[in-house]
PDB file of all heavy atoms in Angstrom:
ATOM      1  N   ALA A   1     -10.105  24.409  -0.623  1.00  0.00           N
ATOM      2  CA  ALA A   1     -11.395  23.814  -0.192  1.00  0.00           C
ATOM      3  C   ALA A   1     -11.813  22.754  -1.218  1.00  0.00           C
ATOM      4  O   ALA A   1     -12.012  23.055  -2.386  1.00  0.00           O
ATOM      5  CB  ALA A   1     -12.468  24.906  -0.061  1.00  0.00           C
ATOM      6  N   GLY A   2     -11.961  21.511  -0.693  1.00  0.00           N
ATOM      7  CA  GLY A   2     -12.363  20.427  -1.558  1.00  0.00           C
ATOM      8  C   GLY A   2     -11.233  19.869  -2.398  1.00  0.00           C
ATOM      9  O   GLY A   2     -11.469  18.869  -3.131  1.00  0.00           O
ATOM     10  N   ALA A   3     -10.063  20.465  -2.367  1.00  0.00           N
ATOM     11  CA  ALA A   3      -8.936  19.955  -3.209  1.00  0.00           C
ATOM     12  C   ALA A   3      -8.365  18.702  -2.608  1.00  0.00           C
ATOM     13  O   ALA A   3      -8.382  18.443  -1.397  1.00  0.00           O
ATOM     14  CB  ALA A   3      -7.881  21.036  -3.281  1.00  0.00           C
ATOM     15  N   ARG A   4      -7.801  17.863  -3.501  1.00  0.00           N
ATOM     16  CA  ARG A   4      -7.103  16.668  -3.060  1.00  0.00           C
ATOM     17  C   ARG A   4      -5.620  17.028  -2.975  1.00  0.00           C
ATOM     18  O   ARG A   4      -5.008  17.440  -3.935  1.00  0.00           O
ATOM     19  CB  ARG A   4      -7.293  15.512  -4.052  1.00  0.00           C
ATOM     20  CG  ARG A   4      -6.639  14.197  -3.624  1.00  0.00           C
ATOM     21  CD  ARG A   4      -6.898  13.124  -4.648  1.00  0.00           C
ATOM     22  NE  ARG A   4      -6.236  11.867  -4.271  1.00  0.00           N
ATOM     23  CZ  ARG A   4      -6.776  10.927  -3.532  1.00  0.00           C
ATOM     24  NH1 ARG A   4      -8.032  11.091  -3.065  1.00  0.00           N
ATOM     25  NH2 ARG A   4      -6.137   9.792  -3.231  1.00  0.00           N
ATOM     26  N   VAL A   5      -5.088  16.864  -1.761  1.00  0.00           N
ATOM     27  CA  VAL A   5      -3.673  17.222  -1.512  1.00  0.00           C
ATOM     28  C   VAL A   5      -2.871  15.964  -1.163  1.00  0.00           C
ATOM     29  O   VAL A   5      -3.288  15.179  -0.280  1.00  0.00           O
ATOM     30  CB  VAL A   5      -3.557  18.199  -0.331  1.00  0.00           C
ATOM     31  CG1 VAL A   5      -2.089  18.594  -0.082  1.00  0.00           C
ATOM     32  CG2 VAL A   5      -4.376  19.480  -0.597  1.00  0.00           C
ATOM     33  N   ALA A   6      -1.790  15.787  -1.859  1.00  0.00           N
ATOM     34  CA  ALA A   6      -0.866  14.670  -1.613  1.00  0.00           C
ATOM     35  C   ALA A   6       0.381  15.204  -0.971  1.00  0.00           C
ATOM     36  O   ALA A   6       1.073  16.067  -1.508  1.00  0.00           O
ATOM     37  CB  ALA A   6      -0.540  13.917  -2.856  1.00  0.00           C
ATOM     38  N   ILE A   7       0.680  14.743   0.260  1.00  0.00           N
ATOM     39  CA  ILE A   7       1.911  15.096   0.960  1.00  0.00           C
ATOM     40  C   ILE A   7       2.895  13.960   0.855  1.00  0.00           C
ATOM     41  O   ILE A   7       2.520  12.801   1.073  1.00  0.00           O
ATOM     42  CB  ILE A   7       1.612  15.397   2.446  1.00  0.00           C
ATOM     43  CG1 ILE A   7       0.621  16.541   2.596  1.00  0.00           C
ATOM     44  CG2 ILE A   7       2.937  15.733   3.198  1.00  0.00           C
ATOM     45  CD1 ILE A   7       0.118  16.752   3.987  1.00  0.00           C
ATOM     46  N   VAL A   8       4.099  14.254   0.435  1.00  0.00           N
ATOM     47  CA  VAL A   8       5.137  13.225   0.345  1.00  0.00           C
ATOM     48  C   VAL A   8       6.071  13.388   1.545  1.00  0.00           C
ATOM     49  O   VAL A   8       6.861  14.358   1.607  1.00  0.00           O
ATOM     50  CB  VAL A   8       5.916  13.336  -0.957  1.00  0.00           C
ATOM     51  CG1 VAL A   8       6.904  12.180  -1.129  1.00  0.00           C
ATOM     52  CG2 VAL A   8       5.005  13.386  -2.181  1.00  0.00           C
ATOM     53  N   GLY A   9       5.982  12.469   2.488  1.00  0.00           N
ATOM     54  CA  GLY A   9       6.762  12.607   3.708  1.00  0.00           C
ATOM     55  C   GLY A   9       5.879  12.693   4.934  1.00  0.00           C
ATOM     56  O   GLY A   9       4.860  13.380   4.913  1.00  0.00           O
ATOM     57  N   ARG A  10       6.272  11.987   6.002  1.00  0.00           N
ATOM     58  CA  ARG A  10       5.452  11.965   7.232  1.00  0.00           C
ATOM     59  C   ARG A  10       6.252  12.423   8.426  1.00  0.00           C
ATOM     60  O   ARG A  10       5.967  12.009   9.564  1.00  0.00           O
ATOM     61  CB  ARG A  10       4.895  10.552   7.429  1.00  0.00           C
ATOM     62  CG  ARG A  10       5.991   9.484   7.462  1.00  0.00           C
ATOM     63  CD  ARG A  10       5.401   8.099   7.573  1.00  0.00           C
ATOM     64  NE  ARG A  10       6.427   7.064   7.305  1.00  0.00           N
ATOM     65  CZ  ARG A  10       6.139   5.743   7.241  1.00  0.00           C
ATOM     66  NH1 ARG A  10       4.903   5.321   7.404  1.00  0.00           N
ATOM     67  NH2 ARG A  10       7.086   4.860   6.972  1.00  0.00           N
ATOM     68  N   GLY A  11       7.248  13.260   8.234  1.00  0.00           N
ATOM     69  CA  GLY A  11       8.054  13.781   9.341  1.00  0.00           C
ATOM     70  C   GLY A  11       7.281  14.641  10.284  1.00  0.00           C
ATOM     71  O   GLY A  11       6.229  15.219   9.925  1.00  0.00           O
ATOM     72  N   ILE A  12       7.763  14.736  11.504  1.00  0.00           N
ATOM     73  CA  ILE A  12       7.015  15.465  12.514  1.00  0.00           C
ATOM     74  C   ILE A  12       7.063  16.970  12.295  1.00  0.00           C
ATOM     75  O   ILE A  12       6.159  17.701  12.757  1.00  0.00           O
ATOM     76  CB  ILE A  12       7.565  15.119  13.913  1.00  0.00           C
ATOM     77  CG1 ILE A  12       6.619  15.582  15.013  1.00  0.00           C
ATOM     78  CG2 ILE A  12       8.932  15.745  14.137  1.00  0.00           C
ATOM     79  CD1 ILE A  12       5.292  14.886  15.020  1.00  0.00           C
ATOM     80  N   THR A  13       8.059  17.468  11.581  1.00  0.00           N
ATOM     81  CA  THR A  13       8.139  18.947  11.416  1.00  0.00           C
ATOM     82  C   THR A  13       7.278  19.440  10.245  1.00  0.00           C
ATOM     83  O   THR A  13       6.920  20.609  10.207  1.00  0.00           O
ATOM     84  CB  THR A  13       9.589  19.368  11.174  1.00  0.00           C
ATOM     85  OG1 THR A  13      10.122  18.699  10.048  1.00  0.00           O
ATOM     86  CG2 THR A  13      10.440  19.059  12.392  1.00  0.00           C
ATOM     87  N   VAL A  14       6.967  18.564   9.316  1.00  0.00           N
ATOM     88  CA  VAL A  14       6.193  18.984   8.112  1.00  0.00           C
ATOM     89  C   VAL A  14       4.983  18.070   7.841  1.00  0.00           C
ATOM     90  O   VAL A  14       3.832  18.484   7.984  1.00  0.00           O
ATOM     91  CB  VAL A  14       7.088  19.125   6.828  1.00  0.00           C
ATOM     92  CG1 VAL A  14       6.240  19.636   5.654  1.00  0.00           C
ATOM     93  CG2 VAL A  14       8.263  20.004   7.043  1.00  0.00           C
ATOM     94  N   GLY A  15       5.251  16.866   7.397  1.00  0.00           N
ATOM     95  CA  GLY A  15       4.222  16.018   6.876  1.00  0.00           C
ATOM     96  C   GLY A  15       3.062  15.745   7.804  1.00  0.00           C
ATOM     97  O   GLY A  15       1.878  15.890   7.454  1.00  0.00           O
ATOM     98  N   ARG A  16       3.338  15.306   9.067  1.00  0.00           N
ATOM     99  CA  ARG A  16       2.278  14.962   9.979  1.00  0.00           C
ATOM    100  C   ARG A  16       1.408  16.144  10.366  1.00  0.00           C
ATOM    101  O   ARG A  16       0.215  16.102  10.232  1.00  0.00           O
ATOM    102  CB  ARG A  16       2.850  14.231  11.196  1.00  0.00           C
ATOM    103  CG  ARG A  16       3.433  12.864  10.887  1.00  0.00           C
ATOM    104  CD  ARG A  16       3.755  12.160  12.163  1.00  0.00           C
ATOM    105  NE  ARG A  16       4.476  10.880  11.869  1.00  0.00           N
ATOM    106  CZ  ARG A  16       4.785   9.986  12.789  1.00  0.00           C
ATOM    107  NH1 ARG A  16       4.442  10.180  14.029  1.00  0.00           N
ATOM    108  NH2 ARG A  16       5.440   8.901  12.436  1.00  0.00           N
ATOM    109  N   PRO A  17       2.028  17.241  10.866  1.00  0.00           N
ATOM    110  CA  PRO A  17       1.160  18.367  11.222  1.00  0.00           C
ATOM    111  C   PRO A  17       0.443  19.039  10.040  1.00  0.00           C
ATOM    112  O   PRO A  17      -0.677  19.480  10.134  1.00  0.00           O
ATOM    113  CB  PRO A  17       2.110  19.325  11.954  1.00  0.00           C
ATOM    114  CG  PRO A  17       3.490  18.971  11.509  1.00  0.00           C
ATOM    115  CD  PRO A  17       3.413  17.466  11.246  1.00  0.00           C
ATOM    116  N   LEU A  18       1.109  19.006   8.886  1.00  0.00           N
ATOM    117  CA  LEU A  18       0.527  19.639   7.706  1.00  0.00           C
ATOM    118  C   LEU A  18      -0.755  18.937   7.290  1.00  0.00           C
ATOM    119  O   LEU A  18      -1.737  19.585   6.901  1.00  0.00           O
ATOM    120  CB  LEU A  18       1.530  19.621   6.533  1.00  0.00           C
ATOM    121  CG  LEU A  18       1.053  20.252   5.202  1.00  0.00           C
ATOM    122  CD1 LEU A  18       0.595  21.680   5.432  1.00  0.00           C
ATOM    123  CD2 LEU A  18       2.212  20.209   4.218  1.00  0.00           C
ATOM    124  N   GLY A  19      -0.760  17.614   7.395  1.00  0.00           N
ATOM    125  CA  GLY A  19      -1.995  16.881   7.055  1.00  0.00           C
ATOM    126  C   GLY A  19      -3.113  17.292   7.962  1.00  0.00           C
ATOM    127  O   GLY A  19      -4.288  17.457   7.480  1.00  0.00           O
ATOM    128  N   LEU A  20      -2.869  17.420   9.210  1.00  0.00           N
ATOM    129  CA  LEU A  20      -3.908  17.833  10.200  1.00  0.00           C
ATOM    130  C   LEU A  20      -4.397  19.238   9.860  1.00  0.00           C
ATOM    131  O   LEU A  20      -5.610  19.560   9.911  1.00  0.00           O
ATOM    132  CB  LEU A  20      -3.357  17.783  11.622  1.00  0.00           C
ATOM    133  CG  LEU A  20      -3.102  16.376  12.202  1.00  0.00           C
ATOM    134  CD1 LEU A  20      -2.334  16.495  13.501  1.00  0.00           C
ATOM    135  CD2 LEU A  20      -4.431  15.701  12.436  1.00  0.00           C
ATOM    136  N   MET A  21      -3.495  20.142   9.559  1.00  0.00           N
ATOM    137  CA  MET A  21      -3.833  21.527   9.311  1.00  0.00           C
ATOM    138  C   MET A  21      -4.679  21.686   8.070  1.00  0.00           C
ATOM    139  O   MET A  21      -5.628  22.467   8.008  1.00  0.00           O
ATOM    140  CB  MET A  21      -2.585  22.391   9.240  1.00  0.00           C
ATOM    141  CG  MET A  21      -1.845  22.514  10.564  1.00  0.00           C
ATOM    142  SD  MET A  21      -0.179  23.155  10.432  1.00  0.00           S
ATOM    143  CE  MET A  21      -0.473  24.829   9.874  1.00  0.00           C
ATOM    144  N   LEU A  22      -4.364  20.894   7.038  1.00  0.00           N
ATOM    145  CA  LEU A  22      -5.126  20.998   5.758  1.00  0.00           C
ATOM    146  C   LEU A  22      -6.528  20.434   5.891  1.00  0.00           C
ATOM    147  O   LEU A  22      -7.381  20.786   5.053  1.00  0.00           O
ATOM    148  CB  LEU A  22      -4.328  20.271   4.665  1.00  0.00           C
ATOM    149  CG  LEU A  22      -3.145  21.007   4.116  1.00  0.00           C
ATOM    150  CD1 LEU A  22      -2.244  20.052   3.311  1.00  0.00           C
ATOM    151  CD2 LEU A  22      -3.546  22.188   3.299  1.00  0.00           C
ATOM    152  N   THR A  23      -6.768  19.577   6.849  1.00  0.00           N
ATOM    153  CA  THR A  23      -8.126  19.031   6.996  1.00  0.00           C
ATOM    154  C   THR A  23      -8.987  19.806   7.954  1.00  0.00           C
ATOM    155  O   THR A  23     -10.143  19.492   8.168  1.00  0.00           O
ATOM    156  CB  THR A  23      -8.078  17.565   7.446  1.00  0.00           C
ATOM    157  OG1 THR A  23      -7.297  17.491   8.677  1.00  0.00           O
ATOM    158  CG2 THR A  23      -7.426  16.675   6.388  1.00  0.00           C
ATOM    159  N   ARG A  24      -8.452  20.916   8.480  1.00  0.00           N
ATOM    160  CA  ARG A  24      -9.322  21.825   9.301  1.00  0.00           C
ATOM    161  C   ARG A  24     -10.401  22.424   8.470  1.00  0.00           C
ATOM    162  O   ARG A  24     -10.274  22.492   7.224  1.00  0.00           O
ATOM    163  CB  ARG A  24      -8.488  22.934   9.962  1.00  0.00           C
ATOM    164  CG  ARG A  24      -7.397  22.458  10.906  1.00  0.00           C
ATOM    165  CD  ARG A  24      -6.538  23.598  11.408  1.00  0.00           C
ATOM    166  NE  ARG A  24      -5.906  24.340  10.291  1.00  0.00           N
ATOM    167  CZ  ARG A  24      -5.129  25.398  10.445  1.00  0.00           C
ATOM    168  NH1 ARG A  24      -4.919  25.866  11.647  1.00  0.00           N
ATOM    169  NH2 ARG A  24      -4.617  26.015   9.393  1.00  0.00           N
ATOM    170  N   ARG A  25     -11.466  22.883   9.068  1.00  0.00           N
ATOM    171  CA  ARG A  25     -12.559  23.491   8.304  1.00  0.00           C
ATOM    172  C   ARG A  25     -12.134  24.751   7.553  1.00  0.00           C
ATOM    173  O   ARG A  25     -12.679  25.117   6.534  1.00  0.00           O
ATOM    174  CB  ARG A  25     -13.715  23.811   9.261  1.00  0.00           C
ATOM    175  CG  ARG A  25     -14.429  22.571   9.777  1.00  0.00           C
ATOM    176  CD  ARG A  25     -15.662  22.947  10.524  1.00  0.00           C
ATOM    177  NE  ARG A  25     -16.293  21.745  11.156  1.00  0.00           N
ATOM    178  CZ  ARG A  25     -17.098  20.932  10.518  1.00  0.00           C
ATOM    179  NH1 ARG A  25     -17.379  21.125   9.218  1.00  0.00           N
ATOM    180  NH2 ARG A  25     -17.625  19.879  11.121  1.00  0.00           N
ATOM    181  N   SER A  26     -11.093  25.408   8.041  1.00  0.00           N
ATOM    182  CA  SER A  26     -10.611  26.604   7.403  1.00  0.00           C
ATOM    183  C   SER A  26      -9.934  26.319   6.052  1.00  0.00           C
ATOM    184  O   SER A  26      -9.866  27.178   5.193  1.00  0.00           O
ATOM    185  CB  SER A  26      -9.649  27.382   8.302  1.00  0.00           C
ATOM    186  OG  SER A  26      -8.592  26.517   8.746  1.00  0.00           O
ATOM    187  N   GLU A  27      -9.442  25.070   5.869  1.00  0.00           N
ATOM    188  CA  GLU A  27      -8.851  24.668   4.630  1.00  0.00           C
ATOM    189  C   GLU A  27      -9.743  23.699   3.848  1.00  0.00           C
ATOM    190  O   GLU A  27      -9.866  23.760   2.651  1.00  0.00           O
ATOM    191  CB  GLU A  27      -7.462  24.054   4.848  1.00  0.00           C
ATOM    192  CG  GLU A  27      -6.362  25.039   5.124  1.00  0.00           C
ATOM    193  CD  GLU A  27      -6.509  25.688   6.516  1.00  0.00           C
ATOM    194  OE1 GLU A  27      -6.875  24.968   7.486  1.00  0.00           O
ATOM    195  OE2 GLU A  27      -6.232  26.894   6.620  1.00  0.00           O
ATOM    196  N   ASN A  28     -10.255  22.697   4.586  1.00  0.00           N
ATOM    197  CA  ASN A  28     -11.275  21.752   3.986  1.00  0.00           C
ATOM    198  C   ASN A  28     -10.686  20.953   2.814  1.00  0.00           C
ATOM    199  O   ASN A  28     -11.445  20.608   1.870  1.00  0.00           O
ATOM    200  CB  ASN A  28     -12.513  22.478   3.565  1.00  0.00           C
ATOM    201  CG  ASN A  28     -13.639  22.308   4.595  1.00  0.00           C
ATOM    202  OD1 ASN A  28     -13.530  21.506   5.485  1.00  0.00           O
ATOM    203  ND2 ASN A  28     -14.673  23.120   4.448  1.00  0.00           N
ATOM    204  N   ALA A  29      -9.449  20.639   2.858  1.00  0.00           N
ATOM    205  CA  ALA A  29      -8.812  19.799   1.817  1.00  0.00           C
ATOM    206  C   ALA A  29      -8.959  18.305   2.179  1.00  0.00           C
ATOM    207  O   ALA A  29      -9.159  17.955   3.331  1.00  0.00           O
ATOM    208  CB  ALA A  29      -7.363  20.154   1.623  1.00  0.00           C
ATOM    209  N   THR A  30      -8.849  17.439   1.202  1.00  0.00           N
ATOM    210  CA  THR A  30      -8.827  16.001   1.401  1.00  0.00           C
ATOM    211  C   THR A  30      -7.336  15.621   1.206  1.00  0.00           C
ATOM    212  O   THR A  30      -6.761  15.903   0.156  1.00  0.00           O
ATOM    213  CB  THR A  30      -9.664  15.297   0.374  1.00  0.00           C
ATOM    214  OG1 THR A  30     -11.061  15.692   0.558  1.00  0.00           O
ATOM    215  CG2 THR A  30      -9.576  13.796   0.539  1.00  0.00           C
ATOM    216  N   VAL A  31      -6.784  14.975   2.251  1.00  0.00           N
ATOM    217  CA  VAL A  31      -5.349  14.747   2.271  1.00  0.00           C
ATOM    218  C   VAL A  31      -4.968  13.283   2.258  1.00  0.00           C
ATOM    219  O   VAL A  31      -5.586  12.458   2.955  1.00  0.00           O
ATOM    220  CB  VAL A  31      -4.747  15.383   3.555  1.00  0.00           C
ATOM    221  CG1 VAL A  31      -3.243  15.129   3.619  1.00  0.00           C
ATOM    222  CG2 VAL A  31      -5.026  16.884   3.567  1.00  0.00           C
ATOM    223  N   VAL A  32      -3.994  12.943   1.425  1.00  0.00           N
ATOM    224  CA  VAL A  32      -3.356  11.636   1.483  1.00  0.00           C
ATOM    225  C   VAL A  32      -1.873  11.866   1.765  1.00  0.00           C
ATOM    226  O   VAL A  32      -1.214  12.741   1.161  1.00  0.00           O
ATOM    227  CB  VAL A  32      -3.521  10.847   0.184  1.00  0.00           C
ATOM    228  CG1 VAL A  32      -2.960  11.610  -1.029  1.00  0.00           C
ATOM    229  CG2 VAL A  32      -2.860   9.517   0.273  1.00  0.00           C
ATOM    230  N   THR A  33      -1.330  11.160   2.760  1.00  0.00           N
ATOM    231  CA  THR A  33       0.054  11.281   3.135  1.00  0.00           C
ATOM    232  C   THR A  33       0.828  10.072   2.592  1.00  0.00           C
ATOM    233  O   THR A  33       0.552   8.924   2.947  1.00  0.00           O
ATOM    234  CB  THR A  33       0.218  11.352   4.670  1.00  0.00           C
ATOM    235  OG1 THR A  33      -0.509  12.443   5.204  1.00  0.00           O
ATOM    236  CG2 THR A  33       1.690  11.504   5.059  1.00  0.00           C
ATOM    237  N   CYS A  34       1.779  10.347   1.729  1.00  0.00           N
ATOM    238  CA  CYS A  34       2.548   9.302   1.098  1.00  0.00           C
ATOM    239  C   CYS A  34       3.902   9.163   1.828  1.00  0.00           C
ATOM    240  O   CYS A  34       4.459  10.142   2.340  1.00  0.00           O
ATOM    241  CB  CYS A  34       2.795   9.613  -0.395  1.00  0.00           C
ATOM    242  SG  CYS A  34       1.273   9.866  -1.336  1.00  0.00           S
ATOM    243  N   HIS A  35       4.460   7.971   1.795  1.00  0.00           N
ATOM    244  CA  HIS A  35       5.693   7.672   2.533  1.00  0.00           C
ATOM    245  C   HIS A  35       6.367   6.432   1.925  1.00  0.00           C
ATOM    246  O   HIS A  35       5.948   5.988   0.862  1.00  0.00           O
ATOM    247  CB  HIS A  35       5.403   7.496   4.016  1.00  0.00           C
ATOM    248  CG  HIS A  35       4.213   6.635   4.285  1.00  0.00           C
ATOM    249  ND1 HIS A  35       4.193   5.283   4.119  1.00  0.00           N
ATOM    250  CD2 HIS A  35       2.932   6.980   4.683  1.00  0.00           C
ATOM    251  CE1 HIS A  35       2.988   4.796   4.403  1.00  0.00           C
ATOM    252  NE2 HIS A  35       2.204   5.809   4.763  1.00  0.00           N
ATOM    253  N   THR A  36       7.347   5.899   2.593  1.00  0.00           N
ATOM    254  CA  THR A  36       8.083   4.775   2.004  1.00  0.00           C
ATOM    255  C   THR A  36       7.256   3.533   1.878  1.00  0.00           C
ATOM    256  O   THR A  36       7.602   2.630   1.122  1.00  0.00           O
ATOM    257  CB  THR A  36       9.326   4.452   2.914  1.00  0.00           C
ATOM    258  OG1 THR A  36       8.910   4.243   4.284  1.00  0.00           O
ATOM    259  CG2 THR A  36      10.351   5.580   2.884  1.00  0.00           C
ATOM    260  N   GLY A  37       6.121   3.460   2.571  1.00  0.00           N
ATOM    261  CA  GLY A  37       5.220   2.325   2.441  1.00  0.00           C
ATOM    262  C   GLY A  37       4.158   2.478   1.398  1.00  0.00           C
ATOM    263  O   GLY A  37       3.330   1.559   1.154  1.00  0.00           O
ATOM    264  N   THR A  38       4.100   3.616   0.727  1.00  0.00           N
ATOM    265  CA  THR A  38       3.121   3.844  -0.336  1.00  0.00           C
ATOM    266  C   THR A  38       3.418   2.961  -1.532  1.00  0.00           C
ATOM    267  O   THR A  38       4.545   3.003  -2.057  1.00  0.00           O
ATOM    268  CB  THR A  38       3.121   5.346  -0.730  1.00  0.00           C
ATOM    269  OG1 THR A  38       2.811   6.158   0.405  1.00  0.00           O
ATOM    270  CG2 THR A  38       2.086   5.586  -1.802  1.00  0.00           C
ATOM    271  N   LYS A  39       2.455   2.220  -1.981  1.00  0.00           N
ATOM    272  CA  LYS A  39       2.678   1.219  -3.032  1.00  0.00           C
ATOM    273  C   LYS A  39       2.938   1.879  -4.400  1.00  0.00           C
ATOM    274  O   LYS A  39       3.800   1.467  -5.176  1.00  0.00           O
ATOM    275  CB  LYS A  39       1.518   0.284  -3.135  1.00  0.00           C
ATOM    276  CG  LYS A  39       1.377  -0.677  -1.964  1.00  0.00           C
ATOM    277  CD  LYS A  39       0.235  -1.639  -2.143  1.00  0.00           C
ATOM    278  CE  LYS A  39       0.136  -2.631  -0.993  1.00  0.00           C
ATOM    279  NZ  LYS A  39      -1.004  -3.584  -1.140  1.00  0.00           N
ATOM    280  N   ASP A  40       2.159   2.900  -4.737  1.00  0.00           N
ATOM    281  CA  ASP A  40       2.308   3.510  -6.098  1.00  0.00           C
ATOM    282  C   ASP A  40       2.285   5.023  -5.904  1.00  0.00           C
ATOM    283  O   ASP A  40       1.226   5.669  -6.011  1.00  0.00           O
ATOM    284  CB  ASP A  40       1.178   3.034  -7.005  1.00  0.00           C
ATOM    285  CG  ASP A  40       1.452   3.450  -8.470  1.00  0.00           C
ATOM    286  OD1 ASP A  40       2.244   4.336  -8.707  1.00  0.00           O
ATOM    287  OD2 ASP A  40       0.810   2.798  -9.364  1.00  0.00           O
ATOM    288  N   LEU A  41       3.449   5.604  -5.629  1.00  0.00           N
ATOM    289  CA  LEU A  41       3.540   7.068  -5.399  1.00  0.00           C
ATOM    290  C   LEU A  41       3.044   7.838  -6.574  1.00  0.00           C
ATOM    291  O   LEU A  41       2.289   8.805  -6.456  1.00  0.00           O
ATOM    292  CB  LEU A  41       4.987   7.431  -5.048  1.00  0.00           C
ATOM    293  CG  LEU A  41       5.251   8.890  -4.811  1.00  0.00           C
ATOM    294  CD1 LEU A  41       4.465   9.425  -3.605  1.00  0.00           C
ATOM    295  CD2 LEU A  41       6.731   9.172  -4.603  1.00  0.00           C
ATOM    296  N   ALA A  42       3.485   7.446  -7.798  1.00  0.00           N
ATOM    297  CA  ALA A  42       3.117   8.174  -8.964  1.00  0.00           C
ATOM    298  C   ALA A  42       1.567   8.261  -9.155  1.00  0.00           C
ATOM    299  O   ALA A  42       1.035   9.335  -9.489  1.00  0.00           O
ATOM    300  CB  ALA A  42       3.740   7.557 -10.185  1.00  0.00           C
ATOM    301  N   ALA A  43       0.900   7.157  -8.906  1.00  0.00           N
ATOM    302  CA  ALA A  43      -0.573   7.135  -9.049  1.00  0.00           C
ATOM    303  C   ALA A  43      -1.224   8.051  -8.037  1.00  0.00           C
ATOM    304  O   ALA A  43      -2.190   8.749  -8.368  1.00  0.00           O
ATOM    305  CB  ALA A  43      -1.093   5.709  -8.869  1.00  0.00           C
TER     306      ALA A  43
END
């Protein structure tokens, strides 16, 4: 709840649905999904 979560990967089996699930009210996380177009992954 309230945590910042970074997902590396936007595949349909993990990354995309996981981002949706983590932003539900039951989890209430703030999510950023990183992928090959992410400019500064480390940051």
